Protein backbone atom coordinates (compact mmCIF):
# COMPACT_ATOMS: atom_id res chain seq x y z
CA UNK A 1 101.42 105.29 86.14
CA UNK A 2 102.90 106.36 82.80
CA UNK A 3 106.43 106.04 84.19
CA UNK A 4 105.66 102.59 85.54
CA UNK A 5 104.45 101.51 82.09
CA UNK A 6 107.61 102.85 80.47
CA UNK A 7 109.78 100.94 82.96
CA UNK A 8 107.79 97.77 82.36
CA UNK A 9 108.23 98.07 78.58
CA UNK A 10 111.95 98.73 78.98
CA UNK A 11 112.28 95.72 81.28
CA UNK A 12 110.59 93.48 78.69
CA UNK A 13 112.81 94.89 75.91
CA UNK A 14 115.96 94.13 77.92
CA UNK A 15 114.84 90.57 78.50
CA UNK A 16 113.99 90.27 74.80
CA UNK A 17 117.62 91.09 73.96
CA UNK A 18 118.83 88.32 76.28
CA UNK A 19 116.43 85.76 74.84
CA UNK A 20 117.31 86.64 71.23
CA UNK A 21 120.92 85.71 71.99
CA UNK A 22 119.89 82.12 72.79
CA UNK A 23 119.83 79.21 70.38
CA UNK A 24 116.07 78.87 69.88
CA UNK A 25 113.93 76.29 68.14
CA UNK A 26 111.30 77.39 65.64
CA UNK A 27 108.55 77.01 68.25
CA UNK A 28 110.54 79.09 70.72
CA UNK A 29 111.09 81.75 68.06
CA UNK A 30 107.33 81.93 67.53
CA UNK A 31 106.92 82.65 71.25
CA UNK A 32 109.52 85.43 70.96
CA UNK A 33 107.53 86.88 68.06
CA UNK A 34 104.39 86.87 70.23
CA UNK A 35 106.29 88.64 73.00
CA UNK A 36 107.47 91.26 70.48
CA UNK A 37 103.86 91.79 69.42
CA UNK A 38 102.84 92.30 73.05
CA UNK A 39 105.66 94.82 73.52
CA UNK A 40 104.46 96.69 70.45
CA UNK A 41 100.91 96.58 71.80
CA UNK A 42 102.18 97.97 75.11
CA UNK A 43 103.79 100.90 73.29
CA UNK A 44 100.57 101.53 71.35
CA UNK A 45 98.40 101.46 74.49
CA UNK A 46 100.84 103.79 76.22
CA UNK A 47 100.61 106.26 73.33
CA UNK A 48 96.81 106.21 73.69
CA UNK A 49 96.97 106.81 77.43
CA UNK A 50 95.65 103.33 78.23
CA UNK A 51 98.10 102.60 81.02
CA UNK A 52 96.28 99.54 82.35
CA UNK A 53 96.43 97.75 78.97
CA UNK A 54 100.00 98.92 78.36
CA UNK A 55 101.20 97.53 81.66
CA UNK A 56 99.34 94.27 81.13
CA UNK A 57 100.74 93.74 77.63
CA UNK A 58 104.32 94.45 78.66
CA UNK A 59 104.04 92.19 81.71
CA UNK A 60 102.61 89.39 79.59
CA UNK A 61 105.51 89.75 77.15
CA UNK A 62 107.95 89.65 80.06
CA UNK A 63 106.31 86.48 81.36
CA UNK A 64 106.61 84.72 78.01
CA UNK A 65 110.26 85.67 77.71
CA UNK A 66 111.06 84.76 81.30
CA UNK A 67 109.50 81.32 80.80
CA UNK A 68 111.68 80.75 77.72
CA UNK A 69 114.76 81.78 79.65
CA UNK A 70 113.81 79.41 82.46
CA UNK A 71 113.23 76.49 80.07
CA UNK A 72 116.57 77.09 78.34
CA UNK A 73 118.36 76.94 81.68
CA UNK A 74 117.01 73.46 82.55
């Protein structure tokens, strides 16, 4: 489960890099900041051995970022 959490965090971090390269409004930037906070939370939970919370936080961050990417492609 630890390895799965690490992969999930890495996946969210990769998507974060892609989203940061976009031309974002201030509201969109605030969503990116929230996603960054969730990624940081995921790292914290992982360090505490709380794999369930780590996976959930990283997946939530990924979802926020993926939604931004989707909206920018419309």
